[in-house]
Amino acid sequence: MGVTEKLVETITKGIQEKKGQDITVINLEHIDGAIAKYFIICQGNSPMQVEAIAGSIGDTVREEMKEKPVNVAGLGNNQWVAIDYSDVLVHVFLPEIRAYYNIEMLWEDAELTNIPNLD
């Protein structure tokens, strides 16, 4: 497993720590001009949960991989938090914001993996 794949796995673990839902991993490695190798999209049910998921991702990646994001946007209003790890872009949404932007459909040529929710 490469470093980028390990990062995807670690981010997913951070999302699941705070019960993030409907995780979709979008592999963009074969898409010309893509701005990252992977997008990871998930949702939380409240602004407080969106913030907690974002924090958990940061903590888990820092502890397990000694990496920090290049940028984090959207903290504070916590409706859509974007976390940039260069090769991996993470989007944590409120459900209605996720439905509105429907990012998954932008990358319909990419390989999408839906990760089952943990109960």
PDB file of N, CA and C in Angstrom:
ATOM      1  N   MET A   1       0.850  -1.194   0.000  1.00  0.00           N
ATOM      2  CA  MET A   1       0.000   0.000   0.000  1.00  0.00           C
ATOM      3  C   MET A   1       0.883   1.241   0.000  1.00  0.00           C
ATOM      4  N   GLY A   2       0.599   2.159  -0.918  1.00  0.00           N
ATOM      5  CA  GLY A   2       1.383   3.387  -1.006  1.00  0.00           C
ATOM      6  C   GLY A   2       0.987   4.387   0.074  1.00  0.00           C
ATOM      7  N   VAL A   3       1.764   5.459   0.160  1.00  0.00           N
ATOM      8  CA  VAL A   3       1.521   6.495   1.166  1.00  0.00           C
ATOM      9  C   VAL A   3       0.145   7.133   0.973  1.00  0.00           C
ATOM     10  N   THR A   4      -0.233   7.391  -0.282  1.00  0.00           N
ATOM     11  CA  THR A   4      -1.524   8.041  -0.539  1.00  0.00           C
ATOM     12  C   THR A   4      -2.674   7.128  -0.122  1.00  0.00           C
ATOM     13  N   GLU A   5      -2.568   5.837  -0.423  1.00  0.00           N
ATOM     14  CA  GLU A   5      -3.618   4.891  -0.036  1.00  0.00           C
ATOM     15  C   GLU A   5      -3.709   4.767   1.486  1.00  0.00           C
ATOM     16  N   LYS A   6      -2.555   4.797   2.157  1.00  0.00           N
ATOM     17  CA  LYS A   6      -2.531   4.768   3.630  1.00  0.00           C
ATOM     18  C   LYS A   6      -3.196   6.030   4.181  1.00  0.00           C
ATOM     19  N   LEU A   7      -2.960   7.158   3.537  1.00  0.00           N
ATOM     20  CA  LEU A   7      -3.595   8.407   3.952  1.00  0.00           C
ATOM     21  C   LEU A   7      -5.119   8.302   3.812  1.00  0.00           C
ATOM     22  N   VAL A   8      -5.591   7.759   2.700  1.00  0.00           N
ATOM     23  CA  VAL A   8      -7.035   7.573   2.487  1.00  0.00           C
ATOM     24  C   VAL A   8      -7.612   6.699   3.604  1.00  0.00           C
ATOM     25  N   GLU A   9      -6.919   5.621   3.923  1.00  0.00           N
ATOM     26  CA  GLU A   9      -7.381   4.711   4.973  1.00  0.00           C
ATOM     27  C   GLU A   9      -7.413   5.411   6.335  1.00  0.00           C
ATOM     28  N   THR A  10      -6.391   6.206   6.614  1.00  0.00           N
ATOM     29  CA  THR A  10      -6.291   6.906   7.901  1.00  0.00           C
ATOM     30  C   THR A  10      -7.379   7.974   8.017  1.00  0.00           C
ATOM     31  N   ILE A  11      -7.632   8.709   6.938  1.00  0.00           N
ATOM     32  CA  ILE A  11      -8.697   9.717   6.933  1.00  0.00           C
ATOM     33  C   ILE A  11     -10.050   9.047   7.168  1.00  0.00           C
ATOM     34  N   THR A  12     -10.277   7.915   6.499  1.00  0.00           N
ATOM     35  CA  THR A  12     -11.536   7.179   6.671  1.00  0.00           C
ATOM     36  C   THR A  12     -11.718   6.772   8.127  1.00  0.00           C
ATOM     37  N   LYS A  13     -10.649   6.311   8.742  1.00  0.00           N
ATOM     38  CA  LYS A  13     -10.695   5.936  10.161  1.00  0.00           C
ATOM     39  C   LYS A  13     -11.078   7.144  11.023  1.00  0.00           C
ATOM     40  N   GLY A  14     -10.480   8.305  10.726  1.00  0.00           N
ATOM     41  CA  GLY A  14     -10.806   9.529  11.468  1.00  0.00           C
ATOM     42  C   GLY A  14     -12.266   9.920  11.326  1.00  0.00           C
ATOM     43  N   ILE A  15     -12.817   9.735  10.130  1.00  0.00           N
ATOM     44  CA  ILE A  15     -14.240  10.030   9.894  1.00  0.00           C
ATOM     45  C   ILE A  15     -15.105   9.080  10.720  1.00  0.00           C
ATOM     46  N   GLN A  16     -14.758   7.805  10.683  1.00  0.00           N
ATOM     47  CA  GLN A  16     -15.559   6.793  11.386  1.00  0.00           C
ATOM     48  C   GLN A  16     -15.484   6.948  12.901  1.00  0.00           C
ATOM     49  N   GLU A  17     -14.364   7.491  13.411  1.00  0.00           N
ATOM     50  CA  GLU A  17     -14.227   7.741  14.858  1.00  0.00           C
ATOM     51  C   GLU A  17     -15.382   8.586  15.384  1.00  0.00           C
ATOM     52  N   LYS A  18     -15.831   9.539  14.573  1.00  0.00           N
ATOM     53  CA  LYS A  18     -16.894  10.464  14.990  1.00  0.00           C
ATOM     54  C   LYS A  18     -18.209  10.157  14.270  1.00  0.00           C
ATOM     55  N   LYS A  19     -18.328   8.913  13.797  1.00  0.00           N
ATOM     56  CA  LYS A  19     -19.563   8.426  13.177  1.00  0.00           C
ATOM     57  C   LYS A  19     -20.000   9.232  11.953  1.00  0.00           C
ATOM     58  N   GLY A  20     -19.004   9.689  11.174  1.00  0.00           N
ATOM     59  CA  GLY A  20     -19.322  10.310   9.891  1.00  0.00           C
ATOM     60  C   GLY A  20     -20.029   9.297   9.008  1.00  0.00           C
ATOM     61  N   GLN A  21     -20.954   9.761   8.196  1.00  0.00           N
ATOM     62  CA  GLN A  21     -21.821   8.881   7.424  1.00  0.00           C
ATOM     63  C   GLN A  21     -21.573   9.007   5.928  1.00  0.00           C
ATOM     64  N   ASP A  22     -21.977   7.953   5.211  1.00  0.00           N
ATOM     65  CA  ASP A  22     -22.008   7.950   3.742  1.00  0.00           C
ATOM     66  C   ASP A  22     -20.675   8.395   3.141  1.00  0.00           C
ATOM     67  N   ILE A  23     -19.619   7.696   3.540  1.00  0.00           N
ATOM     68  CA  ILE A  23     -18.276   8.018   3.050  1.00  0.00           C
ATOM     69  C   ILE A  23     -18.141   7.512   1.608  1.00  0.00           C
ATOM     70  N   THR A  24     -17.719   8.404   0.724  1.00  0.00           N
ATOM     71  CA  THR A  24     -17.420   8.035  -0.659  1.00  0.00           C
ATOM     72  C   THR A  24     -15.976   8.405  -0.946  1.00  0.00           C
ATOM     73  N   VAL A  25     -15.202   7.433  -1.451  1.00  0.00           N
ATOM     74  CA  VAL A  25     -13.820   7.678  -1.857  1.00  0.00           C
ATOM     75  C   VAL A  25     -13.811   7.714  -3.382  1.00  0.00           C
ATOM     76  N   ILE A  26     -13.317   8.813  -3.927  1.00  0.00           N
ATOM     77  CA  ILE A  26     -13.271   8.991  -5.374  1.00  0.00           C
ATOM     78  C   ILE A  26     -11.809   8.947  -5.809  1.00  0.00           C
ATOM     79  N   ASN A  27     -11.472   7.938  -6.606  1.00  0.00           N
ATOM     80  CA  ASN A  27     -10.105   7.784  -7.101  1.00  0.00           C
ATOM     81  C   ASN A  27      -9.975   8.563  -8.407  1.00  0.00           C
ATOM     82  N   LEU A  28      -9.143   9.603  -8.374  1.00  0.00           N
ATOM     83  CA  LEU A  28      -8.962  10.486  -9.529  1.00  0.00           C
ATOM     84  C   LEU A  28      -7.614  10.274 -10.211  1.00  0.00           C
ATOM     85  N   GLU A  29      -6.907   9.217  -9.844  1.00  0.00           N
ATOM     86  CA  GLU A  29      -5.545   9.028 -10.366  1.00  0.00           C
ATOM     87  C   GLU A  29      -5.499   8.902 -11.882  1.00  0.00           C
ATOM     88  N   HIS A  30      -6.579   8.438 -12.500  1.00  0.00           N
ATOM     89  CA  HIS A  30      -6.581   8.249 -13.954  1.00  0.00           C
ATOM     90  C   HIS A  30      -7.364   9.344 -14.687  1.00  0.00           C
ATOM     91  N   ILE A  31      -7.677  10.419 -13.970  1.00  0.00           N
ATOM     92  CA  ILE A  31      -8.432  11.528 -14.564  1.00  0.00           C
ATOM     93  C   ILE A  31      -7.447  12.648 -14.908  1.00  0.00           C
ATOM     94  N   ASP A  32      -7.338  12.975 -16.176  1.00  0.00           N
ATOM     95  CA  ASP A  32      -6.426  14.047 -16.606  1.00  0.00           C
ATOM     96  C   ASP A  32      -6.831  15.376 -15.982  1.00  0.00           C
ATOM     97  N   GLY A  33      -5.853  16.093 -15.454  1.00  0.00           N
ATOM     98  CA  GLY A  33      -6.102  17.428 -14.936  1.00  0.00           C
ATOM     99  C   GLY A  33      -6.749  17.472 -13.569  1.00  0.00           C
ATOM    100  N   ALA A  34      -6.936  16.331 -12.914  1.00  0.00           N
ATOM    101  CA  ALA A  34      -7.539  16.331 -11.576  1.00  0.00           C
ATOM    102  C   ALA A  34      -6.608  17.052 -10.602  1.00  0.00           C
ATOM    103  N   ILE A  35      -7.190  17.752  -9.645  1.00  0.00           N
ATOM    104  CA  ILE A  35      -6.393  18.557  -8.714  1.00  0.00           C
ATOM    105  C   ILE A  35      -5.853  17.736  -7.546  1.00  0.00           C
ATOM    106  N   ALA A  36      -6.266  16.473  -7.441  1.00  0.00           N
ATOM    107  CA  ALA A  36      -5.787  15.586  -6.377  1.00  0.00           C
ATOM    108  C   ALA A  36      -5.877  14.154  -6.881  1.00  0.00           C
ATOM    109  N   LYS A  37      -5.274  13.233  -6.129  1.00  0.00           N
ATOM    110  CA  LYS A  37      -5.371  11.817  -6.493  1.00  0.00           C
ATOM    111  C   LYS A  37      -6.682  11.206  -5.989  1.00  0.00           C
ATOM    112  N   TYR A  38      -7.144  11.723  -4.846  1.00  0.00           N
ATOM    113  CA  TYR A  38      -8.394  11.222  -4.262  1.00  0.00           C
ATOM    114  C   TYR A  38      -9.212  12.362  -3.687  1.00  0.00           C
ATOM    115  N   PHE A  39     -10.527  12.230  -3.766  1.00  0.00           N
ATOM    116  CA  PHE A  39     -11.470  13.026  -2.988  1.00  0.00           C
ATOM    117  C   PHE A  39     -12.118  12.057  -2.005  1.00  0.00           C
ATOM    118  N   ILE A  40     -12.318  12.498  -0.788  1.00  0.00           N
ATOM    119  CA  ILE A  40     -13.111  11.733   0.170  1.00  0.00           C
ATOM    120  C   ILE A  40     -14.243  12.649   0.617  1.00  0.00           C
ATOM    121  N   ILE A  41     -15.464  12.149   0.496  1.00  0.00           N
ATOM    122  CA  ILE A  41     -16.651  12.932   0.831  1.00  0.00           C
ATOM    123  C   ILE A  41     -17.413  12.188   1.924  1.00  0.00           C
ATOM    124  N   CYS A  42     -17.881  12.931   2.923  1.00  0.00           N
ATOM    125  CA  CYS A  42     -18.704  12.324   3.965  1.00  0.00           C
ATOM    126  C   CYS A  42     -19.617  13.391   4.538  1.00  0.00           C
ATOM    127  N   GLN A  43     -20.446  12.987   5.486  1.00  0.00           N
ATOM    128  CA  GLN A  43     -21.349  13.961   6.088  1.00  0.00           C
ATOM    129  C   GLN A  43     -21.518  13.703   7.575  1.00  0.00           C
ATOM    130  N   GLY A  44     -21.859  14.799   8.249  1.00  0.00           N
ATOM    131  CA  GLY A  44     -22.240  14.770   9.656  1.00  0.00           C
ATOM    132  C   GLY A  44     -23.630  15.361   9.770  1.00  0.00           C
ATOM    133  N   ASN A  45     -24.345  15.002  10.812  1.00  0.00           N
ATOM    134  CA  ASN A  45     -25.760  15.388  10.920  1.00  0.00           C
ATOM    135  C   ASN A  45     -26.000  16.773  11.507  1.00  0.00           C
ATOM    136  N   SER A  46     -24.960  17.415  12.019  1.00  0.00           N
ATOM    137  CA  SER A  46     -25.101  18.753  12.599  1.00  0.00           C
ATOM    138  C   SER A  46     -23.784  19.495  12.414  1.00  0.00           C
ATOM    139  N   PRO A  47     -23.817  20.836  12.503  1.00  0.00           N
ATOM    140  CA  PRO A  47     -22.552  21.574  12.425  1.00  0.00           C
ATOM    141  C   PRO A  47     -21.538  21.099  13.470  1.00  0.00           C
ATOM    142  N   MET A  48     -22.017  20.758  14.663  1.00  0.00           N
ATOM    143  CA  MET A  48     -21.130  20.287  15.722  1.00  0.00           C
ATOM    144  C   MET A  48     -20.451  18.966  15.314  1.00  0.00           C
ATOM    145  N   GLN A  49     -21.219  18.057  14.678  1.00  0.00           N
ATOM    146  CA  GLN A  49     -20.631  16.797  14.240  1.00  0.00           C
ATOM    147  C   GLN A  49     -19.669  17.011  13.072  1.00  0.00           C
ATOM    148  N   VAL A  50     -20.005  17.910  12.149  1.00  0.00           N
ATOM    149  CA  VAL A  50     -19.095  18.220  11.036  1.00  0.00           C
ATOM    150  C   VAL A  50     -17.755  18.703  11.589  1.00  0.00           C
ATOM    151  N   GLU A  51     -17.796  19.581  12.574  1.00  0.00           N
ATOM    152  CA  GLU A  51     -16.574  20.089  13.196  1.00  0.00           C
ATOM    153  C   GLU A  51     -15.805  18.966  13.898  1.00  0.00           C
ATOM    154  N   ALA A  52     -16.531  18.088  14.597  1.00  0.00           N
ATOM    155  CA  ALA A  52     -15.893  16.974  15.306  1.00  0.00           C
ATOM    156  C   ALA A  52     -15.221  16.011  14.325  1.00  0.00           C
ATOM    157  N   ILE A  53     -15.879  15.734  13.198  1.00  0.00           N
ATOM    158  CA  ILE A  53     -15.303  14.852  12.176  1.00  0.00           C
ATOM    159  C   ILE A  53     -14.020  15.475  11.627  1.00  0.00           C
ATOM    160  N   ALA A  54     -14.074  16.757  11.288  1.00  0.00           N
ATOM    161  CA  ALA A  54     -12.891  17.447  10.761  1.00  0.00           C
ATOM    162  C   ALA A  54     -11.740  17.388  11.760  1.00  0.00           C
ATOM    163  N   GLY A  55     -12.050  17.612  13.031  1.00  0.00           N
ATOM    164  CA  GLY A  55     -11.016  17.541  14.075  1.00  0.00           C
ATOM    165  C   GLY A  55     -10.439  16.144  14.210  1.00  0.00           C
ATOM    166  N   SER A  56     -11.304  15.145  14.129  1.00  0.00           N
ATOM    167  CA  SER A  56     -10.864  13.758  14.241  1.00  0.00           C
ATOM    168  C   SER A  56      -9.962  13.357  13.082  1.00  0.00           C
ATOM    169  N   ILE A  57     -10.294  13.823  11.874  1.00  0.00           N
ATOM    170  CA  ILE A  57      -9.441  13.554  10.712  1.00  0.00           C
ATOM    171  C   ILE A  57      -8.048  14.135  10.961  1.00  0.00           C
ATOM    172  N   GLY A  58      -7.995  15.397  11.365  1.00  0.00           N
ATOM    173  CA  GLY A  58      -6.711  16.053  11.626  1.00  0.00           C
ATOM    174  C   GLY A  58      -5.906  15.334  12.692  1.00  0.00           C
ATOM    175  N   ASP A  59      -6.563  14.948  13.789  1.00  0.00           N
ATOM    176  CA  ASP A  59      -5.881  14.264  14.889  1.00  0.00           C
ATOM    177  C   ASP A  59      -5.354  12.899  14.453  1.00  0.00           C
ATOM    178  N   THR A  60      -6.204  12.139  13.765  1.00  0.00           N
ATOM    179  CA  THR A  60      -5.840  10.773  13.371  1.00  0.00           C
ATOM    180  C   THR A  60      -4.678  10.779  12.383  1.00  0.00           C
ATOM    181  N   VAL A  61      -4.730  11.679  11.395  1.00  0.00           N
ATOM    182  CA  VAL A  61      -3.649  11.752  10.404  1.00  0.00           C
ATOM    183  C   VAL A  61      -2.352  12.235  11.063  1.00  0.00           C
ATOM    184  N   ARG A  62      -2.462  13.197  11.961  1.00  0.00           N
ATOM    185  CA  ARG A  62      -1.260  13.709  12.639  1.00  0.00           C
ATOM    186  C   ARG A  62      -0.630  12.602  13.505  1.00  0.00           C
ATOM    187  N   GLU A  63      -1.463  11.852  14.244  1.00  0.00           N
ATOM    188  CA  GLU A  63      -0.939  10.810  15.130  1.00  0.00           C
ATOM    189  C   GLU A  63      -0.355   9.637  14.342  1.00  0.00           C
ATOM    190  N   GLU A  64      -1.048   9.197  13.298  1.00  0.00           N
ATOM    191  CA  GLU A  64      -0.640   7.969  12.606  1.00  0.00           C
ATOM    192  C   GLU A  64       0.350   8.202  11.469  1.00  0.00           C
ATOM    193  N   MET A  65       0.303   9.391  10.856  1.00  0.00           N
ATOM    194  CA  MET A  65       1.144   9.628   9.677  1.00  0.00           C
ATOM    195  C   MET A  65       2.049  10.844   9.807  1.00  0.00           C
ATOM    196  N   LYS A  66       1.942  11.537  10.929  1.00  0.00           N
ATOM    197  CA  LYS A  66       2.786  12.728  11.182  1.00  0.00           C
ATOM    198  C   LYS A  66       2.615  13.779  10.085  1.00  0.00           C
ATOM    199  N   GLU A  67       1.392  13.881   9.548  1.00  0.00           N
ATOM    200  CA  GLU A  67       1.117  14.875   8.502  1.00  0.00           C
ATOM    201  C   GLU A  67       0.077  15.876   8.978  1.00  0.00           C
ATOM    202  N   LYS A  68       0.217  17.092   8.460  1.00  0.00           N
ATOM    203  CA  LYS A  68      -0.773  18.140   8.711  1.00  0.00           C
ATOM    204  C   LYS A  68      -1.352  18.565   7.368  1.00  0.00           C
ATOM    205  N   PRO A  69      -2.611  19.019   7.369  1.00  0.00           N
ATOM    206  CA  PRO A  69      -3.184  19.471   6.099  1.00  0.00           C
ATOM    207  C   PRO A  69      -2.504  20.736   5.600  1.00  0.00           C
ATOM    208  N   VAL A  70      -2.497  20.890   4.272  1.00  0.00           N
ATOM    209  CA  VAL A  70      -1.987  22.099   3.644  1.00  0.00           C
ATOM    210  C   VAL A  70      -2.933  23.255   3.960  1.00  0.00           C
ATOM    211  N   ASN A  71      -4.228  22.965   3.975  1.00  0.00           N
ATOM    212  CA  ASN A  71      -5.233  23.996   4.212  1.00  0.00           C
ATOM    213  C   ASN A  71      -6.510  23.352   4.739  1.00  0.00           C
ATOM    214  N   VAL A  72      -7.245  24.120   5.551  1.00  0.00           N
ATOM    215  CA  VAL A  72      -8.573  23.718   6.018  1.00  0.00           C
ATOM    216  C   VAL A  72      -9.480  24.929   5.823  1.00  0.00           C
ATOM    217  N   ALA A  73     -10.614  24.721   5.154  1.00  0.00           N
ATOM    218  CA  ALA A  73     -11.554  25.821   4.913  1.00  0.00           C
ATOM    219  C   ALA A  73     -12.939  25.408   5.397  1.00  0.00           C
ATOM    220  N   GLY A  74     -13.684  26.372   5.927  1.00  0.00           N
ATOM    221  CA  GLY A  74     -15.070  26.122   6.291  1.00  0.00           C
ATOM    222  C   GLY A  74     -15.311  25.892   7.770  1.00  0.00           C
ATOM    223  N   LEU A  75     -14.228  25.805   8.559  1.00  0.00           N
ATOM    224  CA  LEU A  75     -14.428  25.679  10.003  1.00  0.00           C
ATOM    225  C   LEU A  75     -15.049  26.974  10.513  1.00  0.00           C
ATOM    226  N   GLY A  76     -15.908  26.871  11.494  1.00  0.00           N
ATOM    227  CA  GLY A  76     -16.571  28.059  12.006  1.00  0.00           C
ATOM    228  C   GLY A  76     -18.034  28.022  11.635  1.00  0.00           C
ATOM    229  N   ASN A  77     -18.323  27.906  10.314  1.00  0.00           N
ATOM    230  CA  ASN A  77     -19.738  27.748   9.965  1.00  0.00           C
ATOM    231  C   ASN A  77     -20.108  26.268   9.891  1.00  0.00           C
ATOM    232  N   ASN A  78     -19.111  25.413   9.628  1.00  0.00           N
ATOM    233  CA  ASN A  78     -19.260  23.958   9.751  1.00  0.00           C
ATOM    234  C   ASN A  78     -20.424  23.370   8.955  1.00  0.00           C
ATOM    235  N   GLN A  79     -20.654  23.915   7.759  1.00  0.00           N
ATOM    236  CA  GLN A  79     -21.636  23.316   6.860  1.00  0.00           C
ATOM    237  C   GLN A  79     -20.925  22.492   5.792  1.00  0.00           C
ATOM    238  N   TRP A  80     -19.749  22.971   5.403  1.00  0.00           N
ATOM    239  CA  TRP A  80     -18.898  22.268   4.439  1.00  0.00           C
ATOM    240  C   TRP A  80     -17.470  22.586   4.828  1.00  0.00           C
ATOM    241  N   VAL A  81     -16.770  21.602   5.369  1.00  0.00           N
ATOM    242  CA  VAL A  81     -15.368  21.777   5.730  1.00  0.00           C
ATOM    243  C   VAL A  81     -14.526  21.013   4.709  1.00  0.00           C
ATOM    244  N   ALA A  82     -13.593  21.709   4.081  1.00  0.00           N
ATOM    245  CA  ALA A  82     -12.683  21.094   3.116  1.00  0.00           C
ATOM    246  C   ALA A  82     -11.299  21.025   3.747  1.00  0.00           C
ATOM    247  N   ILE A  83     -10.697  19.842   3.683  1.00  0.00           N
ATOM    248  CA  ILE A  83      -9.381  19.620   4.262  1.00  0.00           C
ATOM    249  C   ILE A  83      -8.466  19.139   3.140  1.00  0.00           C
ATOM    250  N   ASP A  84      -7.376  19.867   2.918  1.00  0.00           N
ATOM    251  CA  ASP A  84      -6.486  19.612   1.792  1.00  0.00           C
ATOM    252  C   ASP A  84      -5.190  18.963   2.277  1.00  0.00           C
ATOM    253  N   TYR A  85      -5.002  17.691   1.887  1.00  0.00           N
ATOM    254  CA  TYR A  85      -3.743  16.990   2.145  1.00  0.00           C
ATOM    255  C   TYR A  85      -2.953  16.820   0.844  1.00  0.00           C
ATOM    256  N   SER A  86      -3.010  17.781  -0.048  1.00  0.00           N
ATOM    257  CA  SER A  86      -2.355  17.777  -1.367  1.00  0.00           C
ATOM    258  C   SER A  86      -2.900  16.681  -2.277  1.00  0.00           C
ATOM    259  N   ASP A  87      -2.513  15.424  -2.036  1.00  0.00           N
ATOM    260  CA  ASP A  87      -2.976  14.336  -2.890  1.00  0.00           C
ATOM    261  C   ASP A  87      -4.401  13.897  -2.565  1.00  0.00           C
ATOM    262  N   VAL A  88      -4.867  14.247  -1.375  1.00  0.00           N
ATOM    263  CA  VAL A  88      -6.207  13.844  -0.943  1.00  0.00           C
ATOM    264  C   VAL A  88      -6.962  15.069  -0.444  1.00  0.00           C
ATOM    265  N   LEU A  89      -8.122  15.323  -1.039  1.00  0.00           N
ATOM    266  CA  LEU A  89      -9.005  16.411  -0.602  1.00  0.00           C
ATOM    267  C   LEU A  89     -10.198  15.789   0.104  1.00  0.00           C
ATOM    268  N   VAL A  90     -10.468  16.244   1.317  1.00  0.00           N
ATOM    269  CA  VAL A  90     -11.574  15.713   2.112  1.00  0.00           C
ATOM    270  C   VAL A  90     -12.659  16.779   2.218  1.00  0.00           C
ATOM    271  N   HIS A  91     -13.903  16.352   2.022  1.00  0.00           N
ATOM    272  CA  HIS A  91     -15.051  17.249   2.150  1.00  0.00           C
ATOM    273  C   HIS A  91     -16.004  16.666   3.179  1.00  0.00           C
ATOM    274  N   VAL A  92     -16.258  17.434   4.241  1.00  0.00           N
ATOM    275  CA  VAL A  92     -17.191  17.015   5.288  1.00  0.00           C
ATOM    276  C   VAL A  92     -18.391  17.962   5.211  1.00  0.00           C
ATOM    277  N   PHE A  93     -19.543  17.415   4.888  1.00  0.00           N
ATOM    278  CA  PHE A  93     -20.740  18.214   4.629  1.00  0.00           C
ATOM    279  C   PHE A  93     -21.839  17.970   5.653  1.00  0.00           C
ATOM    280  N   LEU A  94     -22.731  18.951   5.773  1.00  0.00           N
ATOM    281  CA  LEU A  94     -24.075  18.683   6.276  1.00  0.00           C
ATOM    282  C   LEU A  94     -24.839  18.028   5.126  1.00  0.00           C
ATOM    283  N   PRO A  95     -25.781  17.118   5.402  1.00  0.00           N
ATOM    284  CA  PRO A  95     -26.460  16.380   4.326  1.00  0.00           C
ATOM    285  C   PRO A  95     -27.074  17.258   3.242  1.00  0.00           C
ATOM    286  N   GLU A  96     -27.735  18.354   3.632  1.00  0.00           N
ATOM    287  CA  GLU A  96     -28.421  19.179   2.627  1.00  0.00           C
ATOM    288  C   GLU A  96     -27.425  19.946   1.748  1.00  0.00           C
ATOM    289  N   ILE A  97     -26.286  20.312   2.311  1.00  0.00           N
ATOM    290  CA  ILE A  97     -25.242  20.999   1.532  1.00  0.00           C
ATOM    291  C   ILE A  97     -24.594  20.002   0.559  1.00  0.00           C
ATOM    292  N   ARG A  98     -24.351  18.790   1.052  1.00  0.00           N
ATOM    293  CA  ARG A  98     -23.789  17.752   0.187  1.00  0.00           C
ATOM    294  C   ARG A  98     -24.716  17.474  -0.990  1.00  0.00           C
ATOM    295  N   ALA A  99     -26.003  17.352  -0.722  1.00  0.00           N
ATOM    296  CA  ALA A  99     -26.978  17.069  -1.784  1.00  0.00           C
ATOM    297  C   ALA A  99     -27.004  18.218  -2.793  1.00  0.00           C
ATOM    298  N   TYR A 100     -26.920  19.445  -2.309  1.00  0.00           N
ATOM    299  CA  TYR A 100     -26.967  20.617  -3.180  1.00  0.00           C
ATOM    300  C   TYR A 100     -25.785  20.643  -4.148  1.00  0.00           C
ATOM    301  N   TYR A 101     -24.572  20.416  -3.648  1.00  0.00           N
ATOM    302  CA  TYR A 101     -23.372  20.505  -4.494  1.00  0.00           C
ATOM    303  C   TYR A 101     -23.096  19.230  -5.274  1.00  0.00           C
ATOM    304  N   ASN A 102     -23.517  18.088  -4.757  1.00  0.00           N
ATOM    305  CA  ASN A 102     -23.460  16.811  -5.478  1.00  0.00           C
ATOM    306  C   ASN A 102     -22.112  16.591  -6.169  1.00  0.00           C
ATOM    307  N   ILE A 103     -21.038  16.733  -5.399  1.00  0.00           N
ATOM    308  CA  ILE A 103     -19.677  16.639  -5.944  1.00  0.00           C
ATOM    309  C   ILE A 103     -19.419  15.306  -6.636  1.00  0.00           C
ATOM    310  N   GLU A 104     -20.004  14.240  -6.121  1.00  0.00           N
ATOM    311  CA  GLU A 104     -19.756  12.918  -6.715  1.00  0.00           C
ATOM    312  C   GLU A 104     -20.061  12.916  -8.211  1.00  0.00           C
ATOM    313  N   MET A 105     -21.082  13.636  -8.633  1.00  0.00           N
ATOM    314  CA  MET A 105     -21.476  13.637 -10.036  1.00  0.00           C
ATOM    315  C   MET A 105     -20.470  14.377 -10.930  1.00  0.00           C
ATOM    316  N   LEU A 106     -19.657  15.250 -10.342  1.00  0.00           N
ATOM    317  CA  LEU A 106     -18.630  15.956 -11.122  1.00  0.00           C
ATOM    318  C   LEU A 106     -17.559  14.993 -11.622  1.00  0.00           C
ATOM    319  N   TRP A 107     -17.400  13.886 -10.911  1.00  0.00           N
ATOM    320  CA  TRP A 107     -16.325  12.946 -11.203  1.00  0.00           C
ATOM    321  C   TRP A 107     -16.896  11.598 -11.618  1.00  0.00           C
ATOM    322  N   GLU A 108     -17.939  11.607 -12.437  1.00  0.00           N
ATOM    323  CA  GLU A 108     -18.593  10.347 -12.775  1.00  0.00           C
ATOM    324  C   GLU A 108     -17.695   9.397 -13.571  1.00  0.00           C
ATOM    325  N   ASP A 109     -16.622   9.916 -14.185  1.00  0.00           N
ATOM    326  CA  ASP A 109     -15.687   9.055 -14.905  1.00  0.00           C
ATOM    327  C   ASP A 109     -14.679   8.386 -13.959  1.00  0.00           C
ATOM    328  N   ALA A 110     -14.659   8.829 -12.713  1.00  0.00           N
ATOM    329  CA  ALA A 110     -13.697   8.292 -11.749  1.00  0.00           C
ATOM    330  C   ALA A 110     -14.260   7.032 -11.083  1.00  0.00           C
ATOM    331  N   GLU A 111     -13.376   6.330 -10.411  1.00  0.00           N
ATOM    332  CA  GLU A 111     -13.773   5.139  -9.656  1.00  0.00           C
ATOM    333  C   GLU A 111     -14.283   5.584  -8.282  1.00  0.00           C
ATOM    334  N   LEU A 112     -15.562   5.301  -7.990  1.00  0.00           N
ATOM    335  CA  LEU A 112     -16.168   5.672  -6.715  1.00  0.00           C
ATOM    336  C   LEU A 112     -16.310   4.438  -5.837  1.00  0.00           C
ATOM    337  N   THR A 113     -15.901   4.576  -4.584  1.00  0.00           N
ATOM    338  CA  THR A 113     -16.055   3.494  -3.609  1.00  0.00           C
ATOM    339  C   THR A 113     -16.888   4.023  -2.460  1.00  0.00           C
ATOM    340  N   ASN A 114     -18.025   3.409  -2.196  1.00  0.00           N
ATOM    341  CA  ASN A 114     -18.852   3.789  -1.055  1.00  0.00           C
ATOM    342  C   ASN A 114     -18.517   2.878   0.109  1.00  0.00           C
ATOM    343  N   ILE A 115     -18.203   3.481   1.236  1.00  0.00           N
ATOM    344  CA  ILE A 115     -17.824   2.721   2.424  1.00  0.00           C
ATOM    345  C   ILE A 115     -19.053   2.588   3.315  1.00  0.00           C
ATOM    346  N   PRO A 116     -19.434   1.364   3.681  1.00  0.00           N
ATOM    347  CA  PRO A 116     -20.640   1.182   4.506  1.00  0.00           C
ATOM    348  C   PRO A 116     -20.525   1.921   5.835  1.00  0.00           C
ATOM    349  N   ASN A 117     -21.645   2.448   6.291  1.00  0.00           N
ATOM    350  CA  ASN A 117     -21.672   3.132   7.588  1.00  0.00           C
ATOM    351  C   ASN A 117     -21.428   2.130   8.711  1.00  0.00           C
ATOM    352  N   LEU A 118     -20.720   2.560   9.737  1.00  0.00           N
ATOM    353  CA  LEU A 118     -20.567   1.763  10.949  1.00  0.00           C
ATOM    354  C   LEU A 118     -21.789   2.034  11.817  1.00  0.00           C
ATOM    355  N   ASP A 119     -22.311   1.000  12.414  1.00  0.00           N
ATOM    356  CA  ASP A 119     -23.478   1.210  13.304  1.00  0.00           C
ATOM    357  C   ASP A 119     -23.032   1.501  14.723  1.00  0.00           C
TER     358      ASP A 119
END
